[in-house]
C-alpha atoms as a PDB file:
ATOM      1  CA  UNK A   1       0.000   0.000   0.000  1.00  0.00           C
ATOM      2  CA  UNK A   2       2.883   2.357   0.733  1.00  0.00           C
ATOM      3  CA  UNK A   3       4.133   1.881  -2.805  1.00  0.00           C
ATOM      4  CA  UNK A   4       0.726   2.860  -4.185  1.00  0.00           C
ATOM      5  CA  UNK A   5       0.537   5.999  -2.105  1.00  0.00           C
ATOM      6  CA  UNK A   6       4.103   7.060  -2.808  1.00  0.00           C
ATOM      7  CA  UNK A   7       3.431   6.684  -6.534  1.00  0.00           C
ATOM      8  CA  UNK A   8       0.611   9.220  -6.471  1.00  0.00           C
ATOM      9  CA  UNK A   9       1.144  12.757  -7.720  1.00  0.00           C
ATOM     10  CA  UNK A  10       2.094  15.468  -5.179  1.00  0.00           C
ATOM     11  CA  UNK A  11       4.229  12.926  -3.301  1.00  0.00           C
ATOM     12  CA  UNK A  12       7.975  12.392  -3.493  1.00  0.00           C
ATOM     13  CA  UNK A  13      10.140   9.655  -2.071  1.00  0.00           C
ATOM     14  CA  UNK A  14      13.183  11.844  -2.797  1.00  0.00           C
ATOM     15  CA  UNK A  15      12.310  14.889  -0.691  1.00  0.00           C
ATOM     16  CA  UNK A  16      14.114  15.089   2.666  1.00  0.00           C
ATOM     17  CA  UNK A  17      12.034  17.398   4.884  1.00  0.00           C
ATOM     18  CA  UNK A  18      15.012  18.056   7.199  1.00  0.00           C
ATOM     19  CA  UNK A  19      12.835  18.072  10.322  1.00  0.00           C
ATOM     20  CA  UNK A  20      15.912  18.005  12.560  1.00  0.00           C
ATOM     21  CA  UNK A  21      17.164  21.300  11.065  1.00  0.00           C
ATOM     22  CA  UNK A  22      14.059  23.459  11.590  1.00  0.00           C
ATOM     23  CA  UNK A  23      15.300  24.810  14.937  1.00  0.00           C
ATOM     24  CA  UNK A  24      18.981  24.939  14.009  1.00  0.00           C
ATOM     25  CA  UNK A  25      19.353  28.705  13.506  1.00  0.00           C
ATOM     26  CA  UNK A  26      23.044  28.512  12.614  1.00  0.00           C
ATOM     27  CA  UNK A  27      22.435  25.941   9.882  1.00  0.00           C
ATOM     28  CA  UNK A  28      19.371  27.806   8.582  1.00  0.00           C
ATOM     29  CA  UNK A  29      21.276  31.097   8.323  1.00  0.00           C
ATOM     30  CA  UNK A  30      24.113  29.377   6.473  1.00  0.00           C
ATOM     31  CA  UNK A  31      21.713  27.839   3.984  1.00  0.00           C
ATOM     32  CA  UNK A  32      19.862  31.103   3.463  1.00  0.00           C
ATOM     33  CA  UNK A  33      23.120  32.653   2.264  1.00  0.00           C
ATOM     34  CA  UNK A  34      24.130  29.616   0.211  1.00  0.00           C
ATOM     35  CA  UNK A  35      24.104  30.514  -3.530  1.00  0.00           C
ATOM     36  CA  UNK A  36      22.633  27.075  -4.208  1.00  0.00           C
ATOM     37  CA  UNK A  37      19.534  27.638  -2.052  1.00  0.00           C
ATOM     38  CA  UNK A  38      16.280  27.985  -3.973  1.00  0.00           C
ATOM     39  CA  UNK A  39      13.239  30.020  -2.916  1.00  0.00           C
ATOM     40  CA  UNK A  40       9.602  29.346  -3.822  1.00  0.00           C
ATOM     41  CA  UNK A  41       7.572  32.582  -3.688  1.00  0.00           C
ATOM     42  CA  UNK A  42       3.846  32.270  -2.989  1.00  0.00           C
ATOM     43  CA  UNK A  43       1.323  35.043  -3.411  1.00  0.00           C
ATOM     44  CA  UNK A  44      -2.455  34.796  -3.066  1.00  0.00           C
ATOM     45  CA  UNK A  45      -2.219  30.971  -3.092  1.00  0.00           C
ATOM     46  CA  UNK A  46      -0.334  31.101  -6.388  1.00  0.00           C
ATOM     47  CA  UNK A  47       3.104  29.990  -7.512  1.00  0.00           C
ATOM     48  CA  UNK A  48       5.491  31.608  -9.977  1.00  0.00           C
ATOM     49  CA  UNK A  49       5.611  29.944 -13.414  1.00  0.00           C
ATOM     50  CA  UNK A  50       7.438  30.521 -16.660  1.00  0.00           C
ATOM     51  CA  UNK A  51       4.864  29.815 -19.373  1.00  0.00           C
ATOM     52  CA  UNK A  52       6.780  31.014 -22.427  1.00  0.00           C
ATOM     53  CA  UNK A  53       7.214  27.472 -23.813  1.00  0.00           C
ATOM     54  CA  UNK A  54       6.103  24.623 -21.564  1.00  0.00           C
ATOM     55  CA  UNK A  55       5.025  25.738 -18.080  1.00  0.00           C
ATOM     56  CA  UNK A  56       7.695  25.248 -15.431  1.00  0.00           C
ATOM     57  CA  UNK A  57       8.048  26.365 -11.849  1.00  0.00           C
ATOM     58  CA  UNK A  58      10.363  29.285 -11.137  1.00  0.00           C
ATOM     59  CA  UNK A  59      12.798  29.053  -8.238  1.00  0.00           C
ATOM     60  CA  UNK A  60      14.572  32.238  -7.194  1.00  0.00           C
ATOM     61  CA  UNK A  61      17.836  33.067  -5.480  1.00  0.00           C
ATOM     62  CA  UNK A  62      17.712  35.201  -2.363  1.00  0.00           C
ATOM     63  CA  UNK A  63      18.998  38.292  -4.173  1.00  0.00           C
ATOM     64  CA  UNK A  64      16.188  37.930  -6.732  1.00  0.00           C
ATOM     65  CA  UNK A  65      13.409  38.293  -4.173  1.00  0.00           C
ATOM     66  CA  UNK A  66      11.707  41.610  -4.841  1.00  0.00           C
ATOM     67  CA  UNK A  67       9.759  42.137  -1.612  1.00  0.00           C
ATOM     68  CA  UNK A  68      10.600  41.405   1.990  1.00  0.00           C
ATOM     69  CA  UNK A  69       7.228  42.118   3.635  1.00  0.00           C
ATOM     70  CA  UNK A  70       6.547  38.437   4.101  1.00  0.00           C
ATOM     71  CA  UNK A  71       3.655  37.062   6.097  1.00  0.00           C
ATOM     72  CA  UNK A  72       4.774  36.914   9.727  1.00  0.00           C
ATOM     73  CA  UNK A  73       8.220  38.108   8.600  1.00  0.00           C
ATOM     74  CA  UNK A  74       9.627  34.653   8.088  1.00  0.00           C
ATOM     75  CA  UNK A  75      10.488  31.977   5.555  1.00  0.00           C
ATOM     76  CA  UNK A  76       9.663  28.285   5.586  1.00  0.00           C
ATOM     77  CA  UNK A  77      12.104  25.421   5.240  1.00  0.00           C
ATOM     78  CA  UNK A  78      10.701  22.934   2.731  1.00  0.00           C
ATOM     79  CA  UNK A  79      13.574  20.481   2.542  1.00  0.00           C
ATOM     80  CA  UNK A  80      16.317  19.052   0.386  1.00  0.00           C
ATOM     81  CA  UNK A  81      15.796  17.533  -3.029  1.00  0.00           C
ATOM     82  CA  UNK A  82      18.576  16.252  -5.271  1.00  0.00           C
ATOM     83  CA  UNK A  83      21.216  18.034  -3.193  1.00  0.00           C
ATOM     84  CA  UNK A  84      19.503  21.430  -3.178  1.00  0.00           C
ATOM     85  CA  UNK A  85      17.806  23.090  -0.194  1.00  0.00           C
ATOM     86  CA  UNK A  86      14.428  24.728  -0.811  1.00  0.00           C
ATOM     87  CA  UNK A  87      12.644  27.455   1.143  1.00  0.00           C
ATOM     88  CA  UNK A  88       9.248  29.011   0.523  1.00  0.00           C
ATOM     89  CA  UNK A  89       8.268  32.626   1.130  1.00  0.00           C
ATOM     90  CA  UNK A  90       4.686  33.851   1.527  1.00  0.00           C
ATOM     91  CA  UNK A  91       4.410  37.320   0.053  1.00  0.00           C
ATOM     92  CA  UNK A  92       1.945  39.749   1.604  1.00  0.00           C
ATOM     93  CA  UNK A  93      -1.395  39.323  -0.193  1.00  0.00           C
ATOM     94  CA  UNK A  94      -2.355  42.947   0.450  1.00  0.00           C
ATOM     95  CA  UNK A  95       0.648  44.556  -1.233  1.00  0.00           C
ATOM     96  CA  UNK A  96       0.217  46.211  -4.617  1.00  0.00           C
ATOM     97  CA  UNK A  97       2.636  45.786  -7.494  1.00  0.00           C
ATOM     98  CA  UNK A  98       3.890  42.302  -6.649  1.00  0.00           C
ATOM     99  CA  UNK A  99       2.828  40.788  -9.980  1.00  0.00           C
ATOM    100  CA  UNK A 100       4.646  43.583 -11.804  1.00  0.00           C
ATOM    101  CA  UNK A 101       7.760  43.185  -9.647  1.00  0.00           C
ATOM    102  CA  UNK A 102       8.014  39.490 -10.537  1.00  0.00           C
ATOM    103  CA  UNK A 103       6.902  39.744 -14.169  1.00  0.00           C
ATOM    104  CA  UNK A 104      10.509  39.502 -15.385  1.00  0.00           C
ATOM    105  CA  UNK A 105      10.582  35.923 -14.053  1.00  0.00           C
ATOM    106  CA  UNK A 106       7.073  34.738 -14.937  1.00  0.00           C
ATOM    107  CA  UNK A 107       3.459  34.890 -13.825  1.00  0.00           C
ATOM    108  CA  UNK A 108       1.693  33.874 -10.630  1.00  0.00           C
ATOM    109  CA  UNK A 109      -0.812  31.081 -11.245  1.00  0.00           C
ATOM    110  CA  UNK A 110      -2.601  28.302  -9.363  1.00  0.00           C
ATOM    111  CA  UNK A 111      -0.735  25.027  -9.040  1.00  0.00           C
ATOM    112  CA  UNK A 112      -3.921  23.278 -10.211  1.00  0.00           C
ATOM    113  CA  UNK A 113      -3.623  24.929 -13.637  1.00  0.00           C
ATOM    114  CA  UNK A 114      -0.232  23.433 -14.515  1.00  0.00           C
ATOM    115  CA  UNK A 115       0.072  20.374 -12.245  1.00  0.00           C
ATOM    116  CA  UNK A 116      -0.243  17.798 -15.026  1.00  0.00           C
ATOM    117  CA  UNK A 117       2.758  19.344 -16.817  1.00  0.00           C
ATOM    118  CA  UNK A 118       5.127  19.327 -13.837  1.00  0.00           C
ATOM    119  CA  UNK A 119       7.769  16.865 -12.770  1.00  0.00           C
ATOM    120  CA  UNK A 120       6.488  14.648  -9.938  1.00  0.00           C
ATOM    121  CA  UNK A 121       9.161  15.811  -7.457  1.00  0.00           C
ATOM    122  CA  UNK A 122       8.529  19.457  -8.311  1.00  0.00           C
ATOM    123  CA  UNK A 123       4.797  18.981  -7.874  1.00  0.00           C
ATOM    124  CA  UNK A 124       5.529  17.556  -4.425  1.00  0.00           C
ATOM    125  CA  UNK A 125       7.532  20.660  -3.501  1.00  0.00           C
ATOM    126  CA  UNK A 126       4.663  22.900  -4.550  1.00  0.00           C
ATOM    127  CA  UNK A 127       2.026  20.808  -2.788  1.00  0.00           C
ATOM    128  CA  UNK A 128       3.982  20.941   0.451  1.00  0.00           C
ATOM    129  CA  UNK A 129       4.796  24.653   0.260  1.00  0.00           C
ATOM    130  CA  UNK A 130       1.226  25.570  -0.727  1.00  0.00           C
ATOM    131  CA  UNK A 131      -0.280  23.629   2.157  1.00  0.00           C
ATOM    132  CA  UNK A 132       2.032  25.363   4.651  1.00  0.00           C
ATOM    133  CA  UNK A 133       1.347  28.732   3.023  1.00  0.00           C
ATOM    134  CA  UNK A 134      -2.395  28.232   3.428  1.00  0.00           C
ATOM    135  CA  UNK A 135      -2.034  27.215   7.086  1.00  0.00           C
ATOM    136  CA  UNK A 136       0.192  30.219   7.850  1.00  0.00           C
ATOM    137  CA  UNK A 137      -2.228  32.585   6.103  1.00  0.00           C
ATOM    138  CA  UNK A 138      -5.252  31.366   8.033  1.00  0.00           C
ATOM    139  CA  UNK A 139      -3.705  31.228  11.494  1.00  0.00           C
ATOM    140  CA  UNK A 140      -2.191  34.665  11.981  1.00  0.00           C
ATOM    141  CA  UNK A 141      -4.132  35.061  15.225  1.00  0.00           C
ATOM    142  CA  UNK A 142      -4.364  32.738  18.202  1.00  0.00           C
ATOM    143  CA  UNK A 143      -7.485  30.586  18.225  1.00  0.00           C
ATOM    144  CA  UNK A 144      -7.681  30.763  22.028  1.00  0.00           C
ATOM    145  CA  UNK A 145      -7.090  34.421  22.927  1.00  0.00           C
ATOM    146  CA  UNK A 146      -7.031  36.246  19.587  1.00  0.00           C
ATOM    147  CA  UNK A 147      -3.506  37.637  19.962  1.00  0.00           C
ATOM    148  CA  UNK A 148      -1.089  37.831  17.059  1.00  0.00           C
ATOM    149  CA  UNK A 149       0.857  34.646  16.353  1.00  0.00           C
ATOM    150  CA  UNK A 150       4.512  34.309  15.440  1.00  0.00           C
ATOM    151  CA  UNK A 151       5.958  31.696  13.119  1.00  0.00           C
ATOM    152  CA  UNK A 152       8.840  29.721  14.584  1.00  0.00           C
ATOM    153  CA  UNK A 153      10.583  26.451  13.813  1.00  0.00           C
ATOM    154  CA  UNK A 154      11.347  27.844  10.329  1.00  0.00           C
ATOM    155  CA  UNK A 155       7.693  28.133   9.441  1.00  0.00           C
ATOM    156  CA  UNK A 156       6.421  24.901  11.000  1.00  0.00           C
ATOM    157  CA  UNK A 157       4.945  26.152  14.280  1.00  0.00           C
ATOM    158  CA  UNK A 158       2.884  29.153  15.360  1.00  0.00           C
ATOM    159  CA  UNK A 159       3.294  30.547  18.875  1.00  0.00           C
ATOM    160  CA  UNK A 160       0.832  32.926  20.484  1.00  0.00           C
ATOM    161  CA  UNK A 161       2.507  36.262  21.302  1.00  0.00           C
ATOM    162  CA  UNK A 162       0.454  36.674  24.497  1.00  0.00           C
ATOM    163  CA  UNK A 163       2.717  35.745  27.491  1.00  0.00           C
ATOM    164  CA  UNK A 164      -0.358  34.653  29.418  1.00  0.00           C
ATOM    165  CA  UNK A 165      -1.431  32.232  26.678  1.00  0.00           C
ATOM    166  CA  UNK A 166       1.584  30.920  24.711  1.00  0.00           C
ATOM    167  CA  UNK A 167      -0.604  28.508  22.788  1.00  0.00           C
ATOM    168  CA  UNK A 168       1.244  26.567  20.100  1.00  0.00           C
ATOM    169  CA  UNK A 169      -0.263  25.526  16.778  1.00  0.00           C
ATOM    170  CA  UNK A 170       1.066  23.138  14.157  1.00  0.00           C
ATOM    171  CA  UNK A 171       0.237  22.602  10.469  1.00  0.00           C
ATOM    172  CA  UNK A 172      -2.987  20.697   9.954  1.00  0.00           C
ATOM    173  CA  UNK A 173      -4.159  18.424   7.172  1.00  0.00           C
ATOM    174  CA  UNK A 174      -7.862  17.756   6.642  1.00  0.00           C
ATOM    175  CA  UNK A 175      -8.616  14.078   5.870  1.00  0.00           C
ATOM    176  CA  UNK A 176     -11.071  13.463   3.043  1.00  0.00           C
ATOM    177  CA  UNK A 177     -12.250  10.186   1.539  1.00  0.00           C
ATOM    178  CA  UNK A 178     -12.818   9.448  -2.140  1.00  0.00           C
ATOM    179  CA  UNK A 179     -14.341   6.147  -3.213  1.00  0.00           C
ATOM    180  CA  UNK A 180     -14.709   4.007  -6.318  1.00  0.00           C
ATOM    181  CA  UNK A 181     -18.073   2.318  -5.790  1.00  0.00           C
ATOM    182  CA  UNK A 182     -18.862  -0.687  -7.984  1.00  0.00           C
ATOM    183  CA  UNK A 183     -21.757  -3.061  -8.542  1.00  0.00           C
ATOM    184  CA  UNK A 184     -21.160  -6.012 -10.868  1.00  0.00           C
ATOM    185  CA  UNK A 185     -19.749  -4.457 -14.075  1.00  0.00           C
ATOM    186  CA  UNK A 186     -20.730  -0.853 -13.267  1.00  0.00           C
ATOM    187  CA  UNK A 187     -19.170   1.939 -11.243  1.00  0.00           C
ATOM    188  CA  UNK A 188     -20.782   5.029  -9.754  1.00  0.00           C
ATOM    189  CA  UNK A 189     -19.938   8.469 -11.137  1.00  0.00           C
ATOM    190  CA  UNK A 190     -21.239  11.733  -9.685  1.00  0.00           C
ATOM    191  CA  UNK A 191     -21.180  15.426 -10.532  1.00  0.00           C
ATOM    192  CA  UNK A 192     -21.740  18.686  -8.679  1.00  0.00           C
ATOM    193  CA  UNK A 193     -23.782  21.494 -10.265  1.00  0.00           C
ATOM    194  CA  UNK A 194     -20.897  23.976 -10.577  1.00  0.00           C
ATOM    195  CA  UNK A 195     -18.633  21.612 -12.516  1.00  0.00           C
ATOM    196  CA  UNK A 196     -17.977  21.919 -16.235  1.00  0.00           C
ATOM    197  CA  UNK A 197     -20.435  20.133 -18.559  1.00  0.00           C
ATOM    198  CA  UNK A 198     -19.708  16.424 -18.740  1.00  0.00           C
ATOM    199  CA  UNK A 199     -17.372  16.446 -15.749  1.00  0.00           C
ATOM    200  CA  UNK A 200     -17.949  13.495 -13.424  1.00  0.00           C
ATOM    201  CA  UNK A 201     -15.940  12.162 -10.507  1.00  0.00           C
ATOM    202  CA  UNK A 202     -16.236   9.807  -7.536  1.00  0.00           C
ATOM    203  CA  UNK A 203     -18.059  10.170  -4.238  1.00  0.00           C
ATOM    204  CA  UNK A 204     -15.907  12.218  -1.869  1.00  0.00           C
ATOM    205  CA  UNK A 205     -16.210  14.138   1.358  1.00  0.00           C
ATOM    206  CA  UNK A 206     -14.484  15.170   4.569  1.00  0.00           C
ATOM    207  CA  UNK A 207     -14.044  12.888   7.555  1.00  0.00           C
ATOM    208  CA  UNK A 208     -15.988  14.170  10.566  1.00  0.00           C
ATOM    209  CA  UNK A 209     -14.591  14.296  14.133  1.00  0.00           C
ATOM    210  CA  UNK A 210     -14.827  10.980  15.956  1.00  0.00           C
ATOM    211  CA  UNK A 211     -15.438   9.090  12.704  1.00  0.00           C
ATOM    212  CA  UNK A 212     -13.433   6.235  11.223  1.00  0.00           C
ATOM    213  CA  UNK A 213     -12.412   6.414   7.583  1.00  0.00           C
ATOM    214  CA  UNK A 214     -14.637   3.488   6.631  1.00  0.00           C
ATOM    215  CA  UNK A 215     -17.588   5.090   8.407  1.00  0.00           C
ATOM    216  CA  UNK A 216     -16.964   8.303   6.491  1.00  0.00           C
ATOM    217  CA  UNK A 217     -17.041   6.373   3.208  1.00  0.00           C
ATOM    218  CA  UNK A 218     -20.357   4.746   4.085  1.00  0.00           C
ATOM    219  CA  UNK A 219     -21.913   7.946   5.435  1.00  0.00           C
ATOM    220  CA  UNK A 220     -20.893  10.205   2.544  1.00  0.00           C
ATOM    221  CA  UNK A 221     -22.078   7.656  -0.005  1.00  0.00           C
ATOM    222  CA  UNK A 222     -25.464   7.241   1.650  1.00  0.00           C
ATOM    223  CA  UNK A 223     -25.934  10.988   2.222  1.00  0.00           C
ATOM    224  CA  UNK A 224     -25.141  11.847  -1.384  1.00  0.00           C
ATOM    225  CA  UNK A 225     -26.640   8.899  -3.282  1.00  0.00           C
ATOM    226  CA  UNK A 226     -28.697   6.729  -0.899  1.00  0.00           C
ATOM    227  CA  UNK A 227     -26.537   3.715  -1.751  1.00  0.00           C
ATOM    228  CA  UNK A 228     -25.468   1.274   0.955  1.00  0.00           C
ATOM    229  CA  UNK A 229     -22.004  -0.301   0.888  1.00  0.00           C
ATOM    230  CA  UNK A 230     -20.118  -3.445   1.752  1.00  0.00           C
ATOM    231  CA  UNK A 231     -16.459  -4.522   1.440  1.00  0.00           C
ATOM    232  CA  UNK A 232     -14.919  -1.087   1.973  1.00  0.00           C
ATOM    233  CA  UNK A 233     -11.171  -1.356   1.276  1.00  0.00           C
ATOM    234  CA  UNK A 234      -8.334   1.158   1.405  1.00  0.00           C
ATOM    235  CA  UNK A 235      -6.597   1.847  -1.920  1.00  0.00           C
ATOM    236  CA  UNK A 236      -4.026   4.654  -1.544  1.00  0.00           C
ATOM    237  CA  UNK A 237      -3.622   8.263  -0.378  1.00  0.00           C
ATOM    238  CA  UNK A 238      -2.665  11.525  -2.048  1.00  0.00           C
ATOM    239  CA  UNK A 239      -1.828  14.972  -0.649  1.00  0.00           C
ATOM    240  CA  UNK A 240      -4.314  17.449  -2.095  1.00  0.00           C
ATOM    241  CA  UNK A 241      -3.119  21.069  -1.694  1.00  0.00           C
ATOM    242  CA  UNK A 242      -6.452  22.694  -2.592  1.00  0.00           C
ATOM    243  CA  UNK A 243      -5.952  24.056  -0.037  1.00  0.00           C
ATOM    244  CA  UNK A 244      -4.716  21.542   2.568  1.00  0.00           C
ATOM    245  CA  UNK A 245      -6.228  18.054   2.488  1.00  0.00           C
ATOM    246  CA  UNK A 246      -5.156  14.473   2.069  1.00  0.00           C
ATOM    247  CA  UNK A 247      -7.359  12.360  -0.163  1.00  0.00           C
ATOM    248  CA  UNK A 248      -7.777   8.824   1.177  1.00  0.00           C
ATOM    249  CA  UNK A 249      -8.810   6.536  -1.658  1.00  0.00           C
ATOM    250  CA  UNK A 250     -11.104   3.554  -1.137  1.00  0.00           C
ATOM    251  CA  UNK A 251     -12.996   0.980  -3.150  1.00  0.00           C
ATOM    252  CA  UNK A 252     -16.387  -0.285  -2.009  1.00  0.00           C
ATOM    253  CA  UNK A 253     -18.992  -2.736  -3.225  1.00  0.00           C
ATOM    254  CA  UNK A 254     -22.572  -1.465  -3.390  1.00  0.00           C
ATOM    255  CA  UNK A 255     -25.286  -3.695  -1.896  1.00  0.00           C
ATOM    256  CA  UNK A 256     -28.044  -1.468  -3.303  1.00  0.00           C
ATOM    257  CA  UNK A 257     -28.124   0.280  -6.669  1.00  0.00           C
ATOM    258  CA  UNK A 258     -31.101   2.648  -6.449  1.00  0.00           C
ATOM    259  CA  UNK A 259     -29.844   6.242  -6.440  1.00  0.00           C
ATOM    260  CA  UNK A 260     -31.547   8.710  -4.110  1.00  0.00           C
ATOM    261  CA  UNK A 261     -29.731  12.019  -3.671  1.00  0.00           C
ATOM    262  CA  UNK A 262     -30.510  12.919  -0.066  1.00  0.00           C
ATOM    263  CA  UNK A 263     -28.524  16.082   0.701  1.00  0.00           C
ATOM    264  CA  UNK A 264     -28.833  17.908  -2.651  1.00  0.00           C
ATOM    265  CA  UNK A 265     -25.039  18.298  -2.960  1.00  0.00           C
ATOM    266  CA  UNK A 266     -25.015  16.509  -6.310  1.00  0.00           C
ATOM    267  CA  UNK A 267     -26.575  17.419  -9.621  1.00  0.00           C
ATOM    268  CA  UNK A 268     -26.335  13.898 -10.971  1.00  0.00           C
ATOM    269  CA  UNK A 269     -25.223  10.371 -10.076  1.00  0.00           C
ATOM    270  CA  UNK A 270     -25.109   7.519 -12.593  1.00  0.00           C
ATOM    271  CA  UNK A 271     -23.995   3.930 -12.941  1.00  0.00           C
ATOM    272  CA  UNK A 272     -21.741   3.341 -15.956  1.00  0.00           C
ATOM    273  CA  UNK A 273     -20.139   0.266 -17.488  1.00  0.00           C
ATOM    274  CA  UNK A 274     -16.605   0.285 -18.865  1.00  0.00           C
ATOM    275  CA  UNK A 275     -17.959   0.447 -22.380  1.00  0.00           C
ATOM    276  CA  UNK A 276     -20.218   3.396 -21.544  1.00  0.00           C
ATOM    277  CA  UNK A 277     -17.330   5.274 -19.962  1.00  0.00           C
ATOM    278  CA  UNK A 278     -15.150   4.844 -23.046  1.00  0.00           C
ATOM    279  CA  UNK A 279     -18.016   5.862 -25.329  1.00  0.00           C
ATOM    280  CA  UNK A 280     -18.766   8.925 -23.200  1.00  0.00           C
ATOM    281  CA  UNK A 281     -15.141  10.067 -23.321  1.00  0.00           C
ATOM    282  CA  UNK A 282     -15.002   9.478 -27.071  1.00  0.00           C
ATOM    283  CA  UNK A 283     -18.095  11.543 -27.843  1.00  0.00           C
ATOM    284  CA  UNK A 284     -17.120  14.290 -25.347  1.00  0.00           C
ATOM    285  CA  UNK A 285     -20.159  13.830 -23.097  1.00  0.00           C
ATOM    286  CA  UNK A 286     -17.971  12.560 -20.250  1.00  0.00           C
ATOM    287  CA  UNK A 287     -14.751  14.030 -18.886  1.00  0.00           C
ATOM    288  CA  UNK A 288     -12.535  11.645 -16.968  1.00  0.00           C
ATOM    289  CA  UNK A 289     -10.939  12.785 -13.677  1.00  0.00           C
ATOM    290  CA  UNK A 290      -7.672  14.655 -14.116  1.00  0.00           C
ATOM    291  CA  UNK A 291      -4.795  12.258 -14.715  1.00  0.00           C
ATOM    292  CA  UNK A 292      -2.753  13.383 -11.682  1.00  0.00           C
ATOM    293  CA  UNK A 293      -5.548  12.653  -9.182  1.00  0.00           C
ATOM    294  CA  UNK A 294      -6.105   9.577  -7.024  1.00  0.00           C
ATOM    295  CA  UNK A 295      -9.649   9.588  -8.486  1.00  0.00           C
ATOM    296  CA  UNK A 296      -8.113   8.749 -11.866  1.00  0.00           C
ATOM    297  CA  UNK A 297      -6.003   5.996 -10.271  1.00  0.00           C
ATOM    298  CA  UNK A 298      -9.082   4.481  -8.641  1.00  0.00           C
ATOM    299  CA  UNK A 299     -11.057   4.517 -11.875  1.00  0.00           C
ATOM    300  CA  UNK A 300      -8.083   3.172 -13.824  1.00  0.00           C
ATOM    301  CA  UNK A 301      -7.555   0.339 -11.329  1.00  0.00           C
ATOM    302  CA  UNK A 302     -11.232  -0.723 -11.521  1.00  0.00           C
ATOM    303  CA  UNK A 303     -11.330  -0.425 -15.321  1.00  0.00           C
ATOM    304  CA  UNK A 304      -8.167  -2.476 -15.863  1.00  0.00           C
ATOM    305  CA  UNK A 305      -9.320  -5.356 -13.664  1.00  0.00           C
ATOM    306  CA  UNK A 306     -11.689  -6.627 -16.366  1.00  0.00           C
ATOM    307  CA  UNK A 307     -10.432  -5.050 -19.562  1.00  0.00           C
ATOM    308  CA  UNK A 308      -7.965  -6.202 -22.198  1.00  0.00           C
ATOM    309  CA  UNK A 309      -7.021  -2.559 -22.795  1.00  0.00           C
ATOM    310  CA  UNK A 310      -5.436  -0.197 -20.280  1.00  0.00           C
ATOM    311  CA  UNK A 311      -7.544   2.793 -19.313  1.00  0.00           C
ATOM    312  CA  UNK A 312      -4.636   5.241 -19.598  1.00  0.00           C
ATOM    313  CA  UNK A 313      -3.849   3.952 -23.106  1.00  0.00           C
ATOM    314  CA  UNK A 314      -7.456   4.452 -24.197  1.00  0.00           C
ATOM    315  CA  UNK A 315      -7.485   8.001 -22.815  1.00  0.00           C
ATOM    316  CA  UNK A 316      -4.188   8.829 -24.515  1.00  0.00           C
ATOM    317  CA  UNK A 317      -5.457   7.494 -27.843  1.00  0.00           C
ATOM    318  CA  UNK A 318      -8.763   9.389 -27.624  1.00  0.00           C
ATOM    319  CA  UNK A 319      -6.979  12.646 -26.746  1.00  0.00           C
ATOM    320  CA  UNK A 320      -4.504  12.477 -29.630  1.00  0.00           C
END
């Protein structure tokens, strides 16, 4: 199972997070001045890309950073990859002129827009830095007393500035389940009303407090579609930096097939055979999940179990 999860996009087996160095001020200061250190600027939940040919992420040297009014006046240690140390810097969202200042390097854009075109290790760097950026942005004040917080531990801990409180906060990840539900030779596809025409995905939702992962799978499925499940099995996990979740993939066998949308979250839910899925993609009435998502991996795994053709090969051929 570990191999499955580590193979998913936004993960990297090669990234050393250097947890033991986060409080080593001497080492951090040395690396900050190292010409080989690379900086990932983030602004308004966006990364810096060069899109002149094929989109690629832009890493800057310290002397190339245009603004120093960073959120909480700090930087974040991301880790070491292929012998290079990476830091991220959250630029102040409220400042004017930042896009213009950085226009000589590239444009700020959402990681979601260019993810499929990135190297897997680079995508992991961005996923990690974006998740920390989001946490830092949304926890600038203490949740207990309301005082200003201060980032310490090179961006990995927030301390309350109130001497009478001193509450400490750490980065959080929200667990969410996503499930490939099958019944005989059909699988369940669903869509939300704000999605693009033809876009379908799998049942997904957040895990509630005090709830097991399997219970979340069963509850979300019943709430959204009225379908009851059996044989709920873990598949693999994927960090999902939109903004800070981890998608926990499951497969489950349906024991009922009548669809009743209870909570009105969905616009549509349908059972589809392998043949119907291929036909829908061919005639443009169905859009498959994005190829870098665990949803795609789940659908691909189910499809390939009883098909002489590989799902990814069919998609590649159709999209030529």
